[in-house]
């Protein structure tokens, strides 16, 4: 997944301000770091997206 697609999904699902805050502040238990740190460390944005969806009970149809 491209980073631009990831950002669009995040902003659509959570709203721009909340999405940016979640990415910077929420430590994803399955990744052991924030979404931003995971992406910066080379984790595929799709994996980060799915982990955030699971953490915040986003319906699977939107994953």
N, C-alpha and C. Protein backbone atom coordinates (compact mmCIF):
# COMPACT_ATOMS: atom_id res chain seq x y z
N UNK A 1 0.84 -1.17 0.00
CA UNK A 1 0.00 0.00 0.00
C UNK A 1 0.89 1.24 0.00
N UNK A 2 0.55 2.19 -0.83
CA UNK A 2 1.30 3.45 -0.85
C UNK A 2 0.93 4.30 0.36
N UNK A 3 1.85 5.11 0.77
CA UNK A 3 1.64 5.97 1.93
C UNK A 3 0.47 6.93 1.69
N UNK A 4 0.32 7.43 0.49
CA UNK A 4 -0.78 8.35 0.20
C UNK A 4 -2.13 7.66 0.36
N UNK A 5 -2.23 6.42 -0.07
CA UNK A 5 -3.46 5.65 0.11
C UNK A 5 -3.74 5.42 1.59
N UNK A 6 -2.69 5.09 2.34
CA UNK A 6 -2.82 4.89 3.78
C UNK A 6 -3.35 6.16 4.45
N UNK A 7 -2.76 7.30 4.11
CA UNK A 7 -3.19 8.56 4.72
C UNK A 7 -4.63 8.88 4.37
N UNK A 8 -5.02 8.61 3.16
CA UNK A 8 -6.41 8.85 2.75
C UNK A 8 -7.37 7.97 3.54
N UNK A 9 -7.03 6.70 3.70
CA UNK A 9 -7.87 5.79 4.48
C UNK A 9 -7.97 6.25 5.93
N UNK A 10 -6.84 6.64 6.51
CA UNK A 10 -6.83 7.11 7.89
C UNK A 10 -7.71 8.34 8.06
N UNK A 11 -7.57 9.31 7.18
CA UNK A 11 -8.34 10.56 7.29
C UNK A 11 -9.82 10.32 7.06
N UNK A 12 -10.15 9.41 6.16
CA UNK A 12 -11.55 9.09 5.90
C UNK A 12 -12.18 8.37 7.10
N UNK A 13 -11.46 7.43 7.66
CA UNK A 13 -12.00 6.62 8.76
C UNK A 13 -12.06 7.39 10.08
N UNK A 14 -11.02 8.11 10.40
CA UNK A 14 -10.90 8.71 11.73
C UNK A 14 -11.01 10.24 11.75
N UNK A 15 -11.00 10.87 10.58
CA UNK A 15 -10.92 12.32 10.53
C UNK A 15 -9.46 12.73 10.57
N UNK A 16 -9.13 13.84 9.93
CA UNK A 16 -7.73 14.22 9.76
C UNK A 16 -7.01 14.42 11.09
N UNK A 17 -7.58 15.19 11.99
CA UNK A 17 -6.89 15.48 13.26
C UNK A 17 -6.72 14.23 14.11
N UNK A 18 -7.78 13.44 14.23
CA UNK A 18 -7.68 12.23 15.06
C UNK A 18 -6.73 11.21 14.42
N UNK A 19 -6.79 11.08 13.10
CA UNK A 19 -5.92 10.13 12.41
C UNK A 19 -4.45 10.48 12.64
N UNK A 20 -4.13 11.76 12.53
CA UNK A 20 -2.74 12.19 12.73
C UNK A 20 -2.30 11.94 14.17
N UNK A 21 -3.21 12.18 15.12
CA UNK A 21 -2.89 11.95 16.53
C UNK A 21 -2.71 10.46 16.81
N UNK A 22 -3.59 9.62 16.27
CA UNK A 22 -3.47 8.18 16.47
C UNK A 22 -2.15 7.66 15.92
N UNK A 23 -1.80 8.13 14.76
CA UNK A 23 -0.57 7.68 14.12
C UNK A 23 0.66 8.05 14.94
N UNK A 24 0.62 9.22 15.55
CA UNK A 24 1.76 9.71 16.32
C UNK A 24 1.80 9.20 17.75
N UNK A 25 0.63 8.98 18.37
CA UNK A 25 0.58 8.74 19.81
C UNK A 25 0.18 7.33 20.25
N UNK A 26 -0.60 6.64 19.45
CA UNK A 26 -1.11 5.32 19.86
C UNK A 26 -0.06 4.23 19.61
N UNK A 27 0.35 3.57 20.67
CA UNK A 27 1.28 2.44 20.52
C UNK A 27 0.45 1.21 20.15
N UNK A 28 0.74 0.65 19.00
CA UNK A 28 0.03 -0.52 18.50
C UNK A 28 0.63 -1.75 19.17
N UNK A 29 -0.15 -2.44 20.00
CA UNK A 29 0.41 -3.58 20.75
C UNK A 29 1.08 -4.64 19.87
N UNK A 30 0.47 -4.95 18.74
CA UNK A 30 1.04 -6.01 17.90
C UNK A 30 2.34 -5.60 17.23
N UNK A 31 2.57 -4.29 17.12
CA UNK A 31 3.80 -3.80 16.49
C UNK A 31 4.80 -3.27 17.52
N UNK A 32 4.32 -3.01 18.74
CA UNK A 32 5.20 -2.55 19.80
C UNK A 32 5.71 -1.13 19.64
N UNK A 33 5.04 -0.34 18.82
CA UNK A 33 5.44 1.05 18.59
C UNK A 33 4.28 1.79 17.95
N UNK A 34 4.43 3.09 17.81
CA UNK A 34 3.37 3.86 17.17
C UNK A 34 3.33 3.55 15.68
N UNK A 35 2.22 3.91 15.07
CA UNK A 35 2.11 3.72 13.63
C UNK A 35 3.16 4.49 12.86
N UNK A 36 3.42 5.73 13.28
CA UNK A 36 4.44 6.56 12.63
C UNK A 36 5.81 5.90 12.74
N UNK A 37 6.16 5.42 13.94
CA UNK A 37 7.46 4.77 14.13
C UNK A 37 7.55 3.49 13.30
N UNK A 38 6.45 2.75 13.22
CA UNK A 38 6.45 1.52 12.43
C UNK A 38 6.69 1.81 10.95
N UNK A 39 5.97 2.79 10.42
CA UNK A 39 6.14 3.15 9.01
C UNK A 39 7.54 3.68 8.76
N UNK A 40 8.01 4.55 9.65
CA UNK A 40 9.37 5.08 9.51
C UNK A 40 10.42 3.97 9.59
N UNK A 41 10.09 2.90 10.31
CA UNK A 41 11.00 1.77 10.45
C UNK A 41 10.88 0.73 9.35
N UNK A 42 10.01 1.00 8.35
CA UNK A 42 9.93 0.11 7.21
C UNK A 42 8.75 -0.85 7.18
N UNK A 43 7.86 -0.77 8.16
CA UNK A 43 6.68 -1.64 8.16
C UNK A 43 5.73 -1.15 7.06
N UNK A 44 5.16 -2.09 6.32
CA UNK A 44 4.22 -1.76 5.26
C UNK A 44 3.02 -1.01 5.85
N UNK A 45 2.65 0.13 5.27
CA UNK A 45 1.49 0.87 5.78
C UNK A 45 0.21 0.03 5.86
N UNK A 46 0.08 -0.97 4.99
CA UNK A 46 -1.11 -1.85 5.06
C UNK A 46 -1.15 -2.59 6.40
N UNK A 47 -0.01 -3.04 6.86
CA UNK A 47 0.06 -3.74 8.15
C UNK A 47 -0.31 -2.79 9.29
N UNK A 48 0.15 -1.56 9.21
CA UNK A 48 -0.19 -0.55 10.22
C UNK A 48 -1.68 -0.26 10.16
N UNK A 49 -2.22 -0.10 8.97
CA UNK A 49 -3.66 0.16 8.79
C UNK A 49 -4.48 -0.96 9.42
N UNK A 50 -4.16 -2.18 9.12
CA UNK A 50 -4.91 -3.32 9.67
C UNK A 50 -4.81 -3.39 11.19
N UNK A 51 -3.63 -3.11 11.71
CA UNK A 51 -3.45 -3.13 13.17
C UNK A 51 -4.26 -2.03 13.83
N UNK A 52 -4.27 -0.84 13.26
CA UNK A 52 -5.07 0.24 13.82
C UNK A 52 -6.56 -0.07 13.72
N UNK A 53 -6.98 -0.64 12.61
CA UNK A 53 -8.39 -1.03 12.46
C UNK A 53 -8.79 -2.03 13.53
N UNK A 54 -7.94 -2.99 13.80
CA UNK A 54 -8.23 -3.98 14.83
C UNK A 54 -8.29 -3.33 16.21
N UNK A 55 -7.37 -2.44 16.50
CA UNK A 55 -7.33 -1.77 17.80
C UNK A 55 -8.55 -0.90 18.05
N UNK A 56 -9.10 -0.32 16.99
CA UNK A 56 -10.21 0.61 17.15
C UNK A 56 -11.53 0.08 16.61
N UNK A 57 -11.62 -1.24 16.49
CA UNK A 57 -12.87 -1.93 16.12
C UNK A 57 -13.52 -1.41 14.84
N UNK A 58 -12.69 -1.12 13.85
CA UNK A 58 -13.22 -0.74 12.54
C UNK A 58 -13.76 -2.02 11.90
N UNK A 59 -14.98 -1.98 11.37
CA UNK A 59 -15.53 -3.19 10.73
C UNK A 59 -14.61 -3.73 9.65
N UNK A 60 -14.46 -5.04 9.63
CA UNK A 60 -13.53 -5.69 8.69
C UNK A 60 -13.78 -5.33 7.24
N UNK A 61 -15.01 -5.02 6.90
CA UNK A 61 -15.34 -4.66 5.51
C UNK A 61 -14.56 -3.42 5.06
N UNK A 62 -14.11 -2.59 6.00
CA UNK A 62 -13.38 -1.37 5.63
C UNK A 62 -11.88 -1.52 5.77
N UNK A 63 -11.39 -2.69 6.12
CA UNK A 63 -9.95 -2.91 6.25
C UNK A 63 -9.34 -2.99 4.88
